[in-house]
Amino acid sequence: MLNKALTLKAAVFVCLVVVAGTATYTITTSKAAQRILNAGADGAEAVSDAVNNASEGVGATTPDAKKQTKEVLEPCTSNAECKNGACGREHAGTGALSCCASGSVVTHSLKDFCTQIPDGNPCLSDVMCQSGYCRGDRGGFRTGVCQPMAKQGEQCEVDADCGNKACARATAKPGALLSCCASGRTQMYAGFHYCSEMADGSACWSDAMCKSGYCSGNGGGTRRGTCQTKAKAGQACRVNLDCDSHACARATARKGARLSCCASGATKRYAGYDYCAQMRKGATCWSDAMCKSGTCKGNAGGLKRGTCR
């Protein structure tokens, strides 16, 4: 009886050793033991299949039958499936994976995206785009659009939209839109950004806005003026500030004479009117003080117009 008991125990004895995911069994030739072994092997195979299936798409394991078989733009689940080794989303906003035409991917928010995304497609960062710029992505916090940076004079929203990194109003005209500044520099005035070095004829608030350094008619910044180059001697003017000589008056006492910038840079007031000082020989005058020579011949002591000698 003892021998029969020992024989039965030996028949059902099973030793299961699992090494690196493969079940190795030491068994007897008993039919009962064989059934136990078969059940254990089936279970191990099922676990192995589950691991393989779960790992697809996350780069852990790709079946050999799928490795490097997919062409560009074909659906894929991992880099290993693509012949060019790049599986990602063709643009932001899509969940579908395909083999990237660019042959490279970039990771954003734990997701793989193809690089070299063409202009006009959604993006999340500059490195995704063929142009190298993702407009409106706000530093990767929202979806933008791939497009080239704006050029001088083209509309923009922020400095980053422009190749020269300067986005502001090119004029102080009411309703002016933001555009990329020709100067590449901006300045703040009354809470708004304006381009610096505005061209002549541009509406302005201050001298600093103008390339000429002069905003004519701005009332000291209390109203809009116009950028203009200061007038030279003999050119028309309205006030002293219009002239590079800082002197605007009548260059002659001749009847109907208009204001112009004085060559002398100085003015004289006579009978309520401003006249240029140091008038040249032959100029019409009222007084000796108007003439460079100091003599206004024939003026009858200031009672009538004379001529500078």
C-alpha atoms as a PDB file:
ATOM      1  CA  MET A   1       0.000   0.000   0.000  1.00  0.00           C
ATOM      2  CA  LEU A   2       2.840   2.351   0.824  1.00  0.00           C
ATOM      3  CA  ASN A   3       4.470   1.717  -2.564  1.00  0.00           C
ATOM      4  CA  LYS A   4       1.192   2.388  -4.426  1.00  0.00           C
ATOM      5  CA  ALA A   5       0.724   5.681  -2.541  1.00  0.00           C
ATOM      6  CA  LEU A   6       4.232   6.802  -3.394  1.00  0.00           C
ATOM      7  CA  THR A   7       3.722   5.882  -7.063  1.00  0.00           C
ATOM      8  CA  LEU A   8       0.498   7.897  -7.254  1.00  0.00           C
ATOM      9  CA  LYS A   9       2.125  10.939  -5.672  1.00  0.00           C
ATOM     10  CA  ALA A  10       4.994  10.764  -8.145  1.00  0.00           C
ATOM     11  CA  ALA A  11       2.566  10.526 -11.034  1.00  0.00           C
ATOM     12  CA  VAL A  12       0.843  13.817 -10.165  1.00  0.00           C
ATOM     13  CA  PHE A  13       3.976  15.677  -9.141  1.00  0.00           C
ATOM     14  CA  VAL A  14       4.566  18.767 -11.324  1.00  0.00           C
ATOM     15  CA  CYS A  15       7.337  21.250 -11.079  1.00  0.00           C
ATOM     16  CA  LEU A  16       6.609  24.617 -12.886  1.00  0.00           C
ATOM     17  CA  VAL A  17       9.446  27.009 -13.502  1.00  0.00           C
ATOM     18  CA  VAL A  18       8.829  30.309 -15.333  1.00  0.00           C
ATOM     19  CA  VAL A  19      11.919  31.844 -16.923  1.00  0.00           C
ATOM     20  CA  ALA A  20      11.663  35.143 -19.008  1.00  0.00           C
ATOM     21  CA  GLY A  21       8.018  34.655 -19.856  1.00  0.00           C
ATOM     22  CA  THR A  22       8.425  31.003 -21.020  1.00  0.00           C
ATOM     23  CA  ALA A  23       6.963  28.192 -18.972  1.00  0.00           C
ATOM     24  CA  THR A  24       9.357  25.249 -18.435  1.00  0.00           C
ATOM     25  CA  TYR A  25       7.831  22.159 -16.987  1.00  0.00           C
ATOM     26  CA  THR A  26       9.249  19.034 -15.329  1.00  0.00           C
ATOM     27  CA  ILE A  27       6.568  16.427 -15.550  1.00  0.00           C
ATOM     28  CA  THR A  28       5.767  12.753 -15.284  1.00  0.00           C
ATOM     29  CA  THR A  29       4.157  10.669 -18.012  1.00  0.00           C
ATOM     30  CA  SER A  30       0.871  10.470 -16.151  1.00  0.00           C
ATOM     31  CA  LYS A  31      -2.193  11.408 -18.306  1.00  0.00           C
ATOM     32  CA  ALA A  32      -3.595  13.466 -15.404  1.00  0.00           C
ATOM     33  CA  ALA A  33      -0.347  15.405 -15.130  1.00  0.00           C
ATOM     34  CA  GLN A  34      -0.306  15.977 -18.908  1.00  0.00           C
ATOM     35  CA  ARG A  35      -3.743  17.590 -18.734  1.00  0.00           C
ATOM     36  CA  ILE A  36      -2.516  19.905 -16.007  1.00  0.00           C
ATOM     37  CA  LEU A  37       0.499  20.818 -18.112  1.00  0.00           C
ATOM     38  CA  ASN A  38      -1.626  21.547 -21.184  1.00  0.00           C
ATOM     39  CA  ALA A  39      -3.869  23.885 -19.214  1.00  0.00           C
ATOM     40  CA  GLY A  40      -0.844  25.739 -17.830  1.00  0.00           C
ATOM     41  CA  ALA A  41       0.727  26.165 -21.293  1.00  0.00           C
ATOM     42  CA  ASP A  42      -2.526  27.506 -22.747  1.00  0.00           C
ATOM     43  CA  GLY A  43      -2.693  30.092 -19.962  1.00  0.00           C
ATOM     44  CA  ALA A  44       0.905  31.220 -20.517  1.00  0.00           C
ATOM     45  CA  GLU A  45       0.264  31.631 -24.243  1.00  0.00           C
ATOM     46  CA  ALA A  46      -2.848  33.701 -23.587  1.00  0.00           C
ATOM     47  CA  VAL A  47      -0.910  36.026 -21.250  1.00  0.00           C
ATOM     48  CA  SER A  48       1.864  36.420 -23.835  1.00  0.00           C
ATOM     49  CA  ASP A  49      -0.660  37.317 -26.574  1.00  0.00           C
ATOM     50  CA  ALA A  50      -2.324  39.878 -24.317  1.00  0.00           C
ATOM     51  CA  VAL A  51       1.008  41.556 -23.580  1.00  0.00           C
ATOM     52  CA  ASN A  52       1.871  41.762 -27.278  1.00  0.00           C
ATOM     53  CA  ASN A  53      -1.538  43.158 -28.226  1.00  0.00           C
ATOM     54  CA  ALA A  54      -1.478  45.753 -25.454  1.00  0.00           C
ATOM     55  CA  SER A  55       2.003  46.917 -26.400  1.00  0.00           C
ATOM     56  CA  GLU A  56       1.157  47.744 -30.028  1.00  0.00           C
ATOM     57  CA  GLY A  57       0.936  51.510 -30.651  1.00  0.00           C
ATOM     58  CA  VAL A  58       3.095  52.429 -27.649  1.00  0.00           C
ATOM     59  CA  GLY A  59       6.419  51.308 -29.043  1.00  0.00           C
ATOM     60  CA  ALA A  60       6.961  48.411 -26.678  1.00  0.00           C
ATOM     61  CA  THR A  61       6.484  45.538 -29.073  1.00  0.00           C
ATOM     62  CA  THR A  62       5.606  45.313 -32.763  1.00  0.00           C
ATOM     63  CA  PRO A  63       5.037  41.937 -34.377  1.00  0.00           C
ATOM     64  CA  ASP A  64       7.737  41.028 -36.879  1.00  0.00           C
ATOM     65  CA  ALA A  65       5.074  40.673 -39.577  1.00  0.00           C
ATOM     66  CA  LYS A  66       4.297  44.409 -39.263  1.00  0.00           C
ATOM     67  CA  LYS A  67       7.799  45.810 -38.882  1.00  0.00           C
ATOM     68  CA  GLN A  68       8.824  48.326 -41.580  1.00  0.00           C
ATOM     69  CA  THR A  69       6.053  47.356 -43.980  1.00  0.00           C
ATOM     70  CA  LYS A  70       4.108  50.658 -44.174  1.00  0.00           C
ATOM     71  CA  GLU A  71       4.649  53.331 -46.817  1.00  0.00           C
ATOM     72  CA  VAL A  72       4.273  57.102 -46.342  1.00  0.00           C
ATOM     73  CA  LEU A  73       0.714  58.163 -45.335  1.00  0.00           C
ATOM     74  CA  GLU A  74      -0.382  54.586 -44.620  1.00  0.00           C
ATOM     75  CA  PRO A  75      -2.055  54.032 -41.217  1.00  0.00           C
ATOM     76  CA  CYS A  76       0.277  52.822 -38.478  1.00  0.00           C
ATOM     77  CA  THR A  77       0.397  52.210 -34.748  1.00  0.00           C
ATOM     78  CA  SER A  78       4.137  52.547 -34.024  1.00  0.00           C
ATOM     79  CA  ASN A  79       7.346  53.874 -35.567  1.00  0.00           C
ATOM     80  CA  ALA A  80       8.529  50.311 -36.167  1.00  0.00           C
ATOM     81  CA  GLU A  81       5.740  49.700 -38.683  1.00  0.00           C
ATOM     82  CA  CYS A  82       6.892  52.478 -41.030  1.00  0.00           C
ATOM     83  CA  LYS A  83       9.676  52.029 -43.537  1.00  0.00           C
ATOM     84  CA  ASN A  84      10.983  55.493 -42.637  1.00  0.00           C
ATOM     85  CA  GLY A  85      10.616  54.842 -38.887  1.00  0.00           C
ATOM     86  CA  ALA A  86       8.223  57.776 -38.323  1.00  0.00           C
ATOM     87  CA  CYS A  87       4.601  57.246 -37.239  1.00  0.00           C
ATOM     88  CA  GLY A  88       2.639  60.276 -36.058  1.00  0.00           C
ATOM     89  CA  ARG A  89      -0.345  62.585 -36.514  1.00  0.00           C
ATOM     90  CA  GLU A  90      -0.283  64.520 -39.779  1.00  0.00           C
ATOM     91  CA  HIS A  91      -1.357  67.714 -37.988  1.00  0.00           C
ATOM     92  CA  ALA A  92      -2.831  68.946 -34.716  1.00  0.00           C
ATOM     93  CA  GLY A  93      -6.490  68.126 -34.111  1.00  0.00           C
ATOM     94  CA  THR A  94      -6.408  64.622 -35.537  1.00  0.00           C
ATOM     95  CA  GLY A  95      -6.022  61.351 -33.665  1.00  0.00           C
ATOM     96  CA  ALA A  96      -5.215  59.198 -36.682  1.00  0.00           C
ATOM     97  CA  LEU A  97      -1.625  57.966 -36.972  1.00  0.00           C
ATOM     98  CA  SER A  98       0.123  57.462 -40.306  1.00  0.00           C
ATOM     99  CA  CYS A  99       3.664  57.153 -41.617  1.00  0.00           C
ATOM    100  CA  CYS A 100       5.023  60.716 -41.838  1.00  0.00           C
ATOM    101  CA  ALA A 101       6.028  62.130 -45.223  1.00  0.00           C
ATOM    102  CA  SER A 102       8.807  64.066 -43.469  1.00  0.00           C
ATOM    103  CA  GLY A 103      10.313  60.920 -41.975  1.00  0.00           C
ATOM    104  CA  SER A 104      10.492  62.464 -38.510  1.00  0.00           C
ATOM    105  CA  VAL A 105       8.209  63.109 -35.547  1.00  0.00           C
ATOM    106  CA  VAL A 106       8.075  65.537 -32.624  1.00  0.00           C
ATOM    107  CA  THR A 107       6.346  64.875 -29.298  1.00  0.00           C
ATOM    108  CA  HIS A 108       3.903  67.398 -27.838  1.00  0.00           C
ATOM    109  CA  SER A 109       1.693  66.724 -24.802  1.00  0.00           C
ATOM    110  CA  LEU A 110       2.777  63.051 -24.879  1.00  0.00           C
ATOM    111  CA  LYS A 111       1.573  62.655 -28.481  1.00  0.00           C
ATOM    112  CA  ASP A 112       3.657  62.151 -31.617  1.00  0.00           C
ATOM    113  CA  PHE A 113       3.157  64.555 -34.535  1.00  0.00           C
ATOM    114  CA  CYS A 114       4.765  64.576 -37.963  1.00  0.00           C
ATOM    115  CA  THR A 115       7.181  67.425 -38.661  1.00  0.00           C
ATOM    116  CA  GLN A 116       7.226  69.629 -41.798  1.00  0.00           C
ATOM    117  CA  ILE A 117       3.455  70.224 -41.636  1.00  0.00           C
ATOM    118  CA  PRO A 118       2.452  72.276 -44.732  1.00  0.00           C
ATOM    119  CA  ASP A 119       1.153  75.849 -44.422  1.00  0.00           C
ATOM    120  CA  GLY A 120      -2.525  76.196 -43.573  1.00  0.00           C
ATOM    121  CA  ASN A 121      -2.690  73.147 -41.294  1.00  0.00           C
ATOM    122  CA  PRO A 122      -3.302  73.150 -37.508  1.00  0.00           C
ATOM    123  CA  CYS A 123      -0.210  72.991 -35.301  1.00  0.00           C
ATOM    124  CA  LEU A 124       0.879  73.297 -31.676  1.00  0.00           C
ATOM    125  CA  SER A 125       4.488  74.457 -32.002  1.00  0.00           C
ATOM    126  CA  ASP A 126       6.908  76.036 -34.481  1.00  0.00           C
ATOM    127  CA  VAL A 127       8.959  72.846 -34.858  1.00  0.00           C
ATOM    128  CA  MET A 128       5.975  71.044 -36.372  1.00  0.00           C
ATOM    129  CA  CYS A 129       5.742  73.413 -39.354  1.00  0.00           C
ATOM    130  CA  GLN A 130       7.505  73.407 -42.687  1.00  0.00           C
ATOM    131  CA  SER A 131       7.633  77.217 -42.452  1.00  0.00           C
ATOM    132  CA  GLY A 132       9.135  77.061 -38.972  1.00  0.00           C
ATOM    133  CA  TYR A 133       6.274  79.126 -37.531  1.00  0.00           C
ATOM    134  CA  CYS A 134       2.961  78.147 -35.912  1.00  0.00           C
ATOM    135  CA  ARG A 135       0.924  81.343 -35.811  1.00  0.00           C
ATOM    136  CA  GLY A 136      -1.436  81.785 -32.865  1.00  0.00           C
ATOM    137  CA  ASP A 137      -0.202  78.821 -30.815  1.00  0.00           C
ATOM    138  CA  ARG A 138       0.525  81.099 -27.846  1.00  0.00           C
ATOM    139  CA  GLY A 139       3.664  79.215 -26.967  1.00  0.00           C
ATOM    140  CA  GLY A 140       2.072  75.806 -27.412  1.00  0.00           C
ATOM    141  CA  PHE A 141      -0.950  76.441 -25.191  1.00  0.00           C
ATOM    142  CA  ARG A 142      -3.493  76.486 -28.014  1.00  0.00           C
ATOM    143  CA  THR A 143      -3.850  75.285 -31.593  1.00  0.00           C
ATOM    144  CA  GLY A 144      -2.326  77.579 -34.205  1.00  0.00           C
ATOM    145  CA  VAL A 145      -1.832  77.436 -37.976  1.00  0.00           C
ATOM    146  CA  CYS A 146       1.379  76.751 -39.894  1.00  0.00           C
ATOM    147  CA  GLN A 147       2.325  79.740 -42.058  1.00  0.00           C
ATOM    148  CA  PRO A 148       5.345  81.876 -42.961  1.00  0.00           C
ATOM    149  CA  MET A 149       6.116  84.875 -40.768  1.00  0.00           C
ATOM    150  CA  ALA A 150       4.595  88.148 -41.981  1.00  0.00           C
ATOM    151  CA  LYS A 151       6.742  90.594 -43.950  1.00  0.00           C
ATOM    152  CA  GLN A 152       7.072  94.357 -43.641  1.00  0.00           C
ATOM    153  CA  GLY A 153       3.655  96.011 -43.999  1.00  0.00           C
ATOM    154  CA  GLU A 154       1.678  92.764 -43.684  1.00  0.00           C
ATOM    155  CA  GLN A 155      -0.917  92.393 -40.937  1.00  0.00           C
ATOM    156  CA  CYS A 156       0.028  90.779 -37.627  1.00  0.00           C
ATOM    157  CA  GLU A 157      -1.263  90.216 -34.113  1.00  0.00           C
ATOM    158  CA  VAL A 158       1.892  89.971 -32.000  1.00  0.00           C
ATOM    159  CA  ASP A 159       5.607  90.671 -32.480  1.00  0.00           C
ATOM    160  CA  ALA A 160       6.283  86.965 -33.068  1.00  0.00           C
ATOM    161  CA  ASP A 161       4.137  87.070 -36.236  1.00  0.00           C
ATOM    162  CA  CYS A 162       6.732  89.264 -37.945  1.00  0.00           C
ATOM    163  CA  GLY A 163      10.099  88.288 -39.330  1.00  0.00           C
ATOM    164  CA  ASN A 164      11.585  91.415 -37.716  1.00  0.00           C
ATOM    165  CA  LYS A 165       9.691  90.832 -34.432  1.00  0.00           C
ATOM    166  CA  ALA A 166       7.986  94.255 -34.526  1.00  0.00           C
ATOM    167  CA  CYS A 167       4.172  94.376 -34.770  1.00  0.00           C
ATOM    168  CA  ALA A 168       2.398  97.708 -34.167  1.00  0.00           C
ATOM    169  CA  ARG A 169       0.343 100.492 -35.775  1.00  0.00           C
ATOM    170  CA  ALA A 170       2.237 102.050 -38.676  1.00  0.00           C
ATOM    171  CA  THR A 171       0.243 105.274 -38.276  1.00  0.00           C
ATOM    172  CA  ALA A 172      -1.725 107.078 -35.562  1.00  0.00           C
ATOM    173  CA  LYS A 173      -4.701 107.382 -37.909  1.00  0.00           C
ATOM    174  CA  PRO A 174      -7.946 106.272 -36.160  1.00  0.00           C
ATOM    175  CA  GLY A 175      -8.733 102.589 -36.743  1.00  0.00           C
ATOM    176  CA  ALA A 176      -5.226 101.726 -37.966  1.00  0.00           C
ATOM    177  CA  LEU A 177      -4.555  97.959 -37.920  1.00  0.00           C
ATOM    178  CA  LEU A 178      -1.436  96.241 -36.625  1.00  0.00           C
ATOM    179  CA  SER A 179       1.243  95.473 -39.207  1.00  0.00           C
ATOM    180  CA  CYS A 180       4.925  94.536 -39.282  1.00  0.00           C
ATOM    181  CA  CYS A 181       6.961  97.726 -38.848  1.00  0.00           C
ATOM    182  CA  ALA A 182       9.398  98.787 -41.568  1.00  0.00           C
ATOM    183  CA  SER A 183      11.765 100.082 -38.887  1.00  0.00           C
ATOM    184  CA  GLY A 184      11.796  96.816 -36.924  1.00  0.00           C
ATOM    185  CA  ARG A 185      11.154  98.809 -33.750  1.00  0.00           C
ATOM    186  CA  THR A 186       8.082  99.908 -31.792  1.00  0.00           C
ATOM    187  CA  GLN A 187       7.195 102.383 -29.077  1.00  0.00           C
ATOM    188  CA  MET A 188       4.315 102.836 -26.640  1.00  0.00           C
ATOM    189  CA  TYR A 189       2.117 105.933 -26.582  1.00  0.00           C
ATOM    190  CA  ALA A 190      -1.059 106.343 -24.497  1.00  0.00           C
ATOM    191  CA  GLY A 191      -1.344 102.575 -24.057  1.00  0.00           C
ATOM    192  CA  PHE A 192      -0.929 101.635 -27.734  1.00  0.00           C
ATOM    193  CA  HIS A 193       2.033 100.267 -29.680  1.00  0.00           C
ATOM    194  CA  TYR A 194       3.170 102.281 -32.698  1.00  0.00           C
ATOM    195  CA  CYS A 195       5.940 101.702 -35.204  1.00  0.00           C
ATOM    196  CA  SER A 196       8.910 104.010 -34.799  1.00  0.00           C
ATOM    197  CA  GLU A 197      10.480 105.978 -37.682  1.00  0.00           C
ATOM    198  CA  MET A 198       7.137 106.612 -39.423  1.00  0.00           C
ATOM    199  CA  ALA A 199       7.441 108.002 -42.957  1.00  0.00           C
ATOM    200  CA  ASP A 200       6.528 111.580 -43.847  1.00  0.00           C
ATOM    201  CA  GLY A 201       2.786 112.003 -44.224  1.00  0.00           C
ATOM    202  CA  SER A 202       1.956 109.487 -41.477  1.00  0.00           C
ATOM    203  CA  ALA A 203      -0.416 110.552 -38.708  1.00  0.00           C
ATOM    204  CA  CYS A 204       1.509 110.840 -35.443  1.00  0.00           C
ATOM    205  CA  TRP A 205       1.262 111.864 -31.811  1.00  0.00           C
ATOM    206  CA  SER A 206       4.872 112.710 -31.035  1.00  0.00           C
ATOM    207  CA  ASP A 207       8.163 113.660 -32.707  1.00  0.00           C
ATOM    208  CA  ALA A 208       9.654 110.350 -31.539  1.00  0.00           C
ATOM    209  CA  MET A 209       7.302 108.413 -33.828  1.00  0.00           C
ATOM    210  CA  CYS A 210       8.625 110.046 -36.996  1.00  0.00           C
ATOM    211  CA  LYS A 211      11.693 109.194 -39.055  1.00  0.00           C
ATOM    212  CA  SER A 212      12.139 112.921 -39.581  1.00  0.00           C
ATOM    213  CA  GLY A 213      12.021 113.506 -35.843  1.00  0.00           C
ATOM    214  CA  TYR A 214       9.166 115.957 -36.274  1.00  0.00           C
ATOM    215  CA  CYS A 215       5.386 115.552 -35.878  1.00  0.00           C
ATOM    216  CA  SER A 216       3.972 118.767 -37.298  1.00  0.00           C
ATOM    217  CA  GLY A 217       0.789 120.166 -35.766  1.00  0.00           C
ATOM    218  CA  ASN A 218       0.546 117.712 -32.855  1.00  0.00           C
ATOM    219  CA  GLY A 219       0.038 120.461 -30.274  1.00  0.00           C
ATOM    220  CA  GLY A 220       2.733 119.027 -28.061  1.00  0.00           C
ATOM    221  CA  GLY A 221       1.128 115.584 -28.128  1.00  0.00           C
ATOM    222  CA  THR A 222      -2.421 116.736 -27.357  1.00  0.00           C
ATOM    223  CA  ARG A 223      -3.682 116.042 -30.885  1.00  0.00           C
ATOM    224  CA  ARG A 224      -2.691 114.106 -33.984  1.00  0.00           C
ATOM    225  CA  GLY A 225      -0.122 115.686 -36.234  1.00  0.00           C
ATOM    226  CA  THR A 226       1.699 114.660 -39.406  1.00  0.00           C
ATOM    227  CA  CYS A 227       5.230 113.360 -39.773  1.00  0.00           C
ATOM    228  CA  GLN A 228       7.254 115.642 -42.001  1.00  0.00           C
ATOM    229  CA  THR A 229      10.841 116.587 -42.699  1.00  0.00           C
ATOM    230  CA  LYS A 230      11.643 120.045 -41.412  1.00  0.00           C
ATOM    231  CA  ALA A 231      11.800 122.696 -44.112  1.00  0.00           C
ATOM    232  CA  LYS A 232      15.068 124.270 -45.204  1.00  0.00           C
ATOM    233  CA  ALA A 233      15.832 127.952 -45.791  1.00  0.00           C
ATOM    234  CA  GLY A 234      13.409 129.469 -48.289  1.00  0.00           C
ATOM    235  CA  GLN A 235      10.868 126.645 -48.071  1.00  0.00           C
ATOM    236  CA  ALA A 236       7.296 127.319 -46.914  1.00  0.00           C
ATOM    237  CA  CYS A 237       6.442 126.977 -43.213  1.00  0.00           C
ATOM    238  CA  ARG A 238       3.742 127.811 -40.684  1.00  0.00           C
ATOM    239  CA  VAL A 239       5.592 127.977 -37.360  1.00  0.00           C
ATOM    240  CA  ASN A 240       9.214 128.103 -36.235  1.00  0.00           C
ATOM    241  CA  LEU A 241       9.223 124.357 -35.479  1.00  0.00           C
ATOM    242  CA  ASP A 242       8.551 123.617 -39.159  1.00  0.00           C
ATOM    243  CA  CYS A 243      12.040 124.837 -40.034  1.00  0.00           C
ATOM    244  CA  ASP A 244      15.396 123.210 -39.405  1.00  0.00           C
ATOM    245  CA  SER A 245      16.608 126.758 -38.635  1.00  0.00           C
ATOM    246  CA  HIS A 246      13.770 127.155 -36.099  1.00  0.00           C
ATOM    247  CA  ALA A 247      12.876 130.496 -37.714  1.00  0.00           C
ATOM    248  CA  CYS A 248       9.712 130.931 -39.809  1.00  0.00           C
ATOM    249  CA  ALA A 249       8.805 134.439 -41.027  1.00  0.00           C
ATOM    250  CA  ARG A 250       8.452 136.655 -44.114  1.00  0.00           C
ATOM    251  CA  ALA A 251      11.750 136.803 -45.981  1.00  0.00           C
ATOM    252  CA  THR A 252      10.762 140.201 -47.451  1.00  0.00           C
ATOM    253  CA  ALA A 253       8.443 143.084 -46.592  1.00  0.00           C
ATOM    254  CA  ARG A 254       6.998 142.971 -50.084  1.00  0.00           C
ATOM    255  CA  LYS A 255       3.206 143.039 -50.071  1.00  0.00           C
ATOM    256  CA  GLY A 256       1.657 139.535 -50.026  1.00  0.00           C
ATOM    257  CA  ALA A 257       4.909 137.795 -48.998  1.00  0.00           C
ATOM    258  CA  ARG A 258       4.324 134.372 -47.439  1.00  0.00           C
ATOM    259  CA  LEU A 259       6.051 132.670 -44.540  1.00  0.00           C
ATOM    260  CA  SER A 260       9.246 130.756 -45.255  1.00  0.00           C
ATOM    261  CA  CYS A 261      12.189 129.428 -43.282  1.00  0.00           C
ATOM    262  CA  CYS A 262      14.744 132.163 -42.617  1.00  0.00           C
ATOM    263  CA  ALA A 263      18.322 131.554 -43.786  1.00  0.00           C
ATOM    264  CA  SER A 264      19.572 133.609 -40.847  1.00  0.00           C
ATOM    265  CA  GLY A 265      17.796 131.520 -38.237  1.00  0.00           C
ATOM    266  CA  ALA A 266      16.511 134.715 -36.630  1.00  0.00           C
ATOM    267  CA  THR A 267      13.395 136.870 -36.916  1.00  0.00           C
ATOM    268  CA  LYS A 268      12.363 140.479 -36.288  1.00  0.00           C
ATOM    269  CA  ARG A 269       8.866 141.666 -35.394  1.00  0.00           C
ATOM    270  CA  TYR A 270       7.507 144.779 -37.036  1.00  0.00           C
ATOM    271  CA  ALA A 271       3.956 146.179 -36.886  1.00  0.00           C
ATOM    272  CA  GLY A 272       2.599 142.852 -35.663  1.00  0.00           C
ATOM    273  CA  TYR A 273       4.334 140.686 -38.310  1.00  0.00           C
ATOM    274  CA  ASP A 274       7.390 138.452 -38.151  1.00  0.00           C
ATOM    275  CA  TYR A 275      10.150 139.086 -40.704  1.00  0.00           C
ATOM    276  CA  CYS A 276      13.419 137.258 -41.275  1.00  0.00           C
ATOM    277  CA  ALA A 277      16.413 139.123 -39.860  1.00  0.00           C
ATOM    278  CA  GLN A 278      19.525 139.964 -41.899  1.00  0.00           C
ATOM    279  CA  MET A 279      17.709 140.378 -45.203  1.00  0.00           C
ATOM    280  CA  ARG A 280      20.000 140.446 -48.197  1.00  0.00           C
ATOM    281  CA  LYS A 281      20.717 143.395 -50.443  1.00  0.00           C
ATOM    282  CA  GLY A 282      17.722 144.246 -52.611  1.00  0.00           C
ATOM    283  CA  ALA A 283      15.113 142.808 -50.228  1.00  0.00           C
ATOM    284  CA  THR A 284      12.069 144.963 -49.431  1.00  0.00           C
ATOM    285  CA  CYS A 285      12.234 146.224 -45.840  1.00  0.00           C
ATOM    286  CA  TRP A 286      10.551 148.427 -43.272  1.00  0.00           C
ATOM    287  CA  SER A 287      13.446 149.085 -40.964  1.00  0.00           C
ATOM    288  CA  ASP A 288      17.236 149.104 -40.878  1.00  0.00           C
ATOM    289  CA  ALA A 289      17.133 146.236 -38.334  1.00  0.00           C
ATOM    290  CA  MET A 290      15.726 143.918 -40.990  1.00  0.00           C
ATOM    291  CA  CYS A 291      18.739 144.277 -43.273  1.00  0.00           C
ATOM    292  CA  LYS A 292      22.061 142.478 -43.041  1.00  0.00           C
ATOM    293  CA  SER A 293      23.719 145.742 -44.007  1.00  0.00           C
ATOM    294  CA  GLY A 294      21.838 147.628 -41.288  1.00  0.00           C
ATOM    295  CA  THR A 295      20.396 150.087 -43.823  1.00  0.00           C
ATOM    296  CA  CYS A 296      16.863 150.099 -45.304  1.00  0.00           C
ATOM    297  CA  LYS A 297      17.129 152.800 -47.951  1.00  0.00           C
ATOM    298  CA  GLY A 298      14.054 154.902 -48.743  1.00  0.00           C
ATOM    299  CA  ASN A 299      11.866 153.662 -45.905  1.00  0.00           C
ATOM    300  CA  ALA A 300      11.165 157.217 -44.703  1.00  0.00           C
ATOM    301  CA  GLY A 301      11.993 156.238 -41.156  1.00  0.00           C
ATOM    302  CA  GLY A 302       9.724 153.250 -41.236  1.00  0.00           C
ATOM    303  CA  LEU A 303       6.721 154.985 -42.731  1.00  0.00           C
ATOM    304  CA  LYS A 304       7.005 153.212 -46.059  1.00  0.00           C
ATOM    305  CA  ARG A 305       8.752 150.229 -47.561  1.00  0.00           C
ATOM    306  CA  GLY A 306      12.391 150.610 -48.496  1.00  0.00           C
ATOM    307  CA  THR A 307      15.165 148.424 -49.911  1.00  0.00           C
ATOM    308  CA  CYS A 308      18.067 146.773 -48.099  1.00  0.00           C
ATOM    309  CA  ARG A 309      21.370 148.197 -49.336  1.00  0.00           C
END
